[in-house]
Amino acid sequence: MSDPSIKSVCVFCGASVGKDPAFRAAAEDLGRRLAENGIRLVFGAGHVGMMGTVADAVLAGGGEAIGVIPQFLRDR
């Protein structure tokens, strides 16, 4: 029988953190909890906004973050 636990979570969210600080806090909390539980983050490779906030929190907590970006965006 295989291990049913979650190994990775994919997150795709806004390029802005918005006006309500509660959203940024929730993104940081999500990233922190992913790292604490050894769950890998797969995200849209953005280093700003909500995606960047989640990724920064994962990395700050010693977790793993994998950025996925289409070639045409990378070439810009």
N, C-alpha and C. Protein backbone atom coordinates (compact mmCIF):
# COMPACT_ATOMS: atom_id res chain seq x y z
N MET A 1 0.85 -1.18 0.00
CA MET A 1 0.00 0.00 0.00
C MET A 1 0.89 1.24 0.00
N SER A 2 0.54 2.25 -0.80
CA SER A 2 1.34 3.47 -0.87
C SER A 2 0.99 4.43 0.25
N ASP A 3 1.92 5.34 0.52
CA ASP A 3 1.73 6.36 1.55
C ASP A 3 0.73 7.40 1.03
N PRO A 4 -0.40 7.59 1.69
CA PRO A 4 -1.43 8.50 1.21
C PRO A 4 -1.17 9.97 1.54
N SER A 5 -0.09 10.28 2.26
CA SER A 5 0.11 11.66 2.68
C SER A 5 0.45 12.58 1.50
N ILE A 6 0.14 13.84 1.67
CA ILE A 6 0.38 14.84 0.63
C ILE A 6 1.86 15.18 0.61
N LYS A 7 2.47 15.13 -0.57
CA LYS A 7 3.90 15.42 -0.74
C LYS A 7 4.12 16.83 -1.29
N SER A 8 3.21 17.28 -2.15
CA SER A 8 3.34 18.59 -2.80
C SER A 8 1.98 19.26 -2.89
N VAL A 9 2.02 20.60 -2.88
CA VAL A 9 0.81 21.40 -3.09
C VAL A 9 1.16 22.44 -4.14
N CYS A 10 0.28 22.59 -5.13
CA CYS A 10 0.47 23.60 -6.17
C CYS A 10 -0.37 24.83 -5.84
N VAL A 11 0.28 25.99 -5.89
CA VAL A 11 -0.39 27.25 -5.58
C VAL A 11 -0.19 28.22 -6.74
N PHE A 12 -1.27 28.81 -7.20
CA PHE A 12 -1.18 29.85 -8.22
C PHE A 12 -2.08 30.98 -7.73
N CYS A 13 -1.49 32.12 -7.47
CA CYS A 13 -2.28 33.24 -6.94
C CYS A 13 -1.75 34.56 -7.48
N GLY A 14 -2.32 35.64 -7.01
CA GLY A 14 -2.10 36.97 -7.58
C GLY A 14 -0.70 37.52 -7.53
N ALA A 15 -0.42 38.43 -8.46
CA ALA A 15 0.86 39.13 -8.53
C ALA A 15 0.88 40.34 -7.60
N SER A 16 -0.19 40.51 -6.85
CA SER A 16 -0.28 41.59 -5.88
C SER A 16 -0.71 40.99 -4.54
N VAL A 17 -0.31 41.63 -3.45
CA VAL A 17 -0.75 41.14 -2.14
C VAL A 17 -2.08 41.77 -1.74
N GLY A 18 -2.55 42.74 -2.51
CA GLY A 18 -3.82 43.37 -2.22
C GLY A 18 -3.72 44.40 -1.11
N LYS A 19 -4.86 44.91 -0.72
CA LYS A 19 -4.90 45.99 0.28
C LYS A 19 -5.11 45.49 1.70
N ASP A 20 -5.69 44.32 1.85
CA ASP A 20 -6.00 43.80 3.17
C ASP A 20 -4.81 42.98 3.69
N PRO A 21 -4.17 43.42 4.78
CA PRO A 21 -3.00 42.70 5.31
C PRO A 21 -3.32 41.26 5.74
N ALA A 22 -4.59 40.96 5.93
CA ALA A 22 -4.97 39.60 6.33
C ALA A 22 -4.63 38.59 5.23
N PHE A 23 -4.69 39.03 3.97
CA PHE A 23 -4.37 38.11 2.87
C PHE A 23 -2.88 37.77 2.87
N ARG A 24 -2.04 38.77 3.08
CA ARG A 24 -0.60 38.52 3.14
C ARG A 24 -0.28 37.61 4.32
N ALA A 25 -0.90 37.87 5.46
CA ALA A 25 -0.68 37.05 6.65
C ALA A 25 -1.10 35.60 6.39
N ALA A 26 -2.21 35.41 5.69
CA ALA A 26 -2.67 34.05 5.38
C ALA A 26 -1.70 33.35 4.44
N ALA A 27 -1.15 34.09 3.46
CA ALA A 27 -0.17 33.51 2.53
C ALA A 27 1.10 33.10 3.28
N GLU A 28 1.55 33.95 4.20
CA GLU A 28 2.73 33.62 5.00
C GLU A 28 2.47 32.40 5.88
N ASP A 29 1.29 32.35 6.46
CA ASP A 29 0.93 31.22 7.31
C ASP A 29 0.89 29.92 6.51
N LEU A 30 0.32 29.98 5.31
CA LEU A 30 0.28 28.79 4.46
C LEU A 30 1.70 28.31 4.16
N GLY A 31 2.57 29.22 3.76
CA GLY A 31 3.95 28.85 3.47
C GLY A 31 4.66 28.25 4.67
N ARG A 32 4.47 28.86 5.81
CA ARG A 32 5.08 28.37 7.05
C ARG A 32 4.59 26.95 7.37
N ARG A 33 3.30 26.73 7.25
CA ARG A 33 2.73 25.41 7.56
C ARG A 33 3.17 24.35 6.56
N LEU A 34 3.29 24.72 5.29
CA LEU A 34 3.80 23.77 4.30
C LEU A 34 5.21 23.33 4.69
N ALA A 35 6.07 24.29 5.01
CA ALA A 35 7.44 23.96 5.40
C ALA A 35 7.48 23.10 6.66
N GLU A 36 6.69 23.47 7.65
CA GLU A 36 6.66 22.72 8.91
C GLU A 36 6.25 21.27 8.71
N ASN A 37 5.40 21.03 7.73
CA ASN A 37 4.89 19.68 7.49
C ASN A 37 5.62 18.94 6.38
N GLY A 38 6.70 19.53 5.89
CA GLY A 38 7.50 18.87 4.86
C GLY A 38 6.79 18.71 3.53
N ILE A 39 5.87 19.63 3.24
CA ILE A 39 5.13 19.58 1.99
C ILE A 39 5.77 20.55 0.99
N ARG A 40 6.14 20.03 -0.15
CA ARG A 40 6.79 20.81 -1.20
C ARG A 40 5.79 21.76 -1.85
N LEU A 41 6.22 22.99 -2.09
CA LEU A 41 5.41 23.98 -2.81
C LEU A 41 5.77 23.95 -4.29
N VAL A 42 4.76 23.86 -5.14
CA VAL A 42 4.93 24.03 -6.58
C VAL A 42 4.12 25.28 -6.92
N PHE A 43 4.78 26.27 -7.54
CA PHE A 43 4.11 27.54 -7.76
C PHE A 43 4.52 28.15 -9.09
N GLY A 44 3.89 29.25 -9.45
CA GLY A 44 4.11 29.88 -10.74
C GLY A 44 5.38 30.69 -10.88
N ALA A 45 6.34 30.49 -10.01
CA ALA A 45 7.67 31.08 -10.08
C ALA A 45 7.70 32.59 -9.90
N GLY A 46 6.59 33.18 -9.52
CA GLY A 46 6.58 34.62 -9.29
C GLY A 46 7.27 34.95 -7.97
N HIS A 47 8.07 36.01 -7.97
CA HIS A 47 8.74 36.40 -6.74
C HIS A 47 8.08 37.61 -6.09
N VAL A 48 6.94 38.01 -6.63
CA VAL A 48 6.20 39.13 -6.06
C VAL A 48 4.78 38.68 -5.73
N GLY A 49 4.04 39.53 -5.06
CA GLY A 49 2.64 39.24 -4.77
C GLY A 49 2.44 38.05 -3.85
N MET A 50 1.27 37.46 -3.96
CA MET A 50 0.91 36.35 -3.09
C MET A 50 1.78 35.12 -3.32
N MET A 51 2.06 34.81 -4.59
CA MET A 51 2.91 33.63 -4.86
C MET A 51 4.28 33.82 -4.25
N GLY A 52 4.84 35.01 -4.39
CA GLY A 52 6.15 35.28 -3.80
C GLY A 52 6.12 35.21 -2.28
N THR A 53 5.03 35.68 -1.69
CA THR A 53 4.88 35.64 -0.24
C THR A 53 4.84 34.21 0.27
N VAL A 54 4.06 33.36 -0.38
CA VAL A 54 3.98 31.95 0.02
C VAL A 54 5.35 31.29 -0.14
N ALA A 55 5.99 31.50 -1.29
CA ALA A 55 7.29 30.89 -1.56
C ALA A 55 8.35 31.36 -0.57
N ASP A 56 8.38 32.65 -0.29
CA ASP A 56 9.35 33.18 0.67
C ASP A 56 9.17 32.54 2.04
N ALA A 57 7.93 32.36 2.46
CA ALA A 57 7.66 31.76 3.77
C ALA A 57 8.07 30.29 3.79
N VAL A 58 7.84 29.58 2.70
CA VAL A 58 8.27 28.18 2.61
C VAL A 58 9.78 28.10 2.74
N LEU A 59 10.48 28.91 1.96
CA LEU A 59 11.94 28.88 1.97
C LEU A 59 12.51 29.33 3.31
N ALA A 60 11.90 30.35 3.92
CA ALA A 60 12.35 30.82 5.24
C ALA A 60 12.19 29.73 6.29
N GLY A 61 11.21 28.86 6.09
CA GLY A 61 10.97 27.77 7.03
C GLY A 61 11.78 26.52 6.71
N GLY A 62 12.67 26.63 5.73
CA GLY A 62 13.50 25.47 5.38
C GLY A 62 12.83 24.49 4.45
N GLY A 63 11.71 24.89 3.85
CA GLY A 63 10.99 24.00 2.94
C GLY A 63 11.50 24.07 1.52
N GLU A 64 10.86 23.32 0.65
CA GLU A 64 11.24 23.25 -0.76
C GLU A 64 10.18 23.92 -1.61
N ALA A 65 10.62 24.77 -2.54
CA ALA A 65 9.71 25.45 -3.46
C ALA A 65 10.21 25.25 -4.89
N ILE A 66 9.32 24.79 -5.75
CA ILE A 66 9.65 24.57 -7.16
C ILE A 66 8.83 25.54 -7.99
N GLY A 67 9.51 26.43 -8.71
CA GLY A 67 8.84 27.39 -9.58
C GLY A 67 8.68 26.83 -10.98
N VAL A 68 7.48 26.94 -11.53
CA VAL A 68 7.18 26.47 -12.88
C VAL A 68 6.74 27.67 -13.70
N ILE A 69 7.44 27.89 -14.82
CA ILE A 69 7.11 29.04 -15.67
C ILE A 69 7.20 28.62 -17.13
N PRO A 70 6.21 28.99 -17.94
CA PRO A 70 6.27 28.65 -19.37
C PRO A 70 7.47 29.35 -20.04
N GLN A 71 8.05 28.70 -21.02
CA GLN A 71 9.22 29.23 -21.71
C GLN A 71 8.97 30.63 -22.27
N PHE A 72 7.78 30.87 -22.86
CA PHE A 72 7.54 32.18 -23.47
C PHE A 72 7.55 33.30 -22.44
N LEU A 73 7.17 33.02 -21.20
CA LEU A 73 7.25 34.04 -20.16
C LEU A 73 8.70 34.22 -19.69
N ARG A 74 9.41 33.14 -19.63
CA ARG A 74 10.81 33.20 -19.22
C ARG A 74 11.64 34.01 -20.21
N ASP A 75 11.31 33.90 -21.48
CA ASP A 75 12.05 34.59 -22.53
C ASP A 75 11.79 36.09 -22.59
N ARG A 76 10.79 36.57 -21.89
CA ARG A 76 10.45 38.01 -21.92
C ARG A 76 11.57 38.86 -21.39
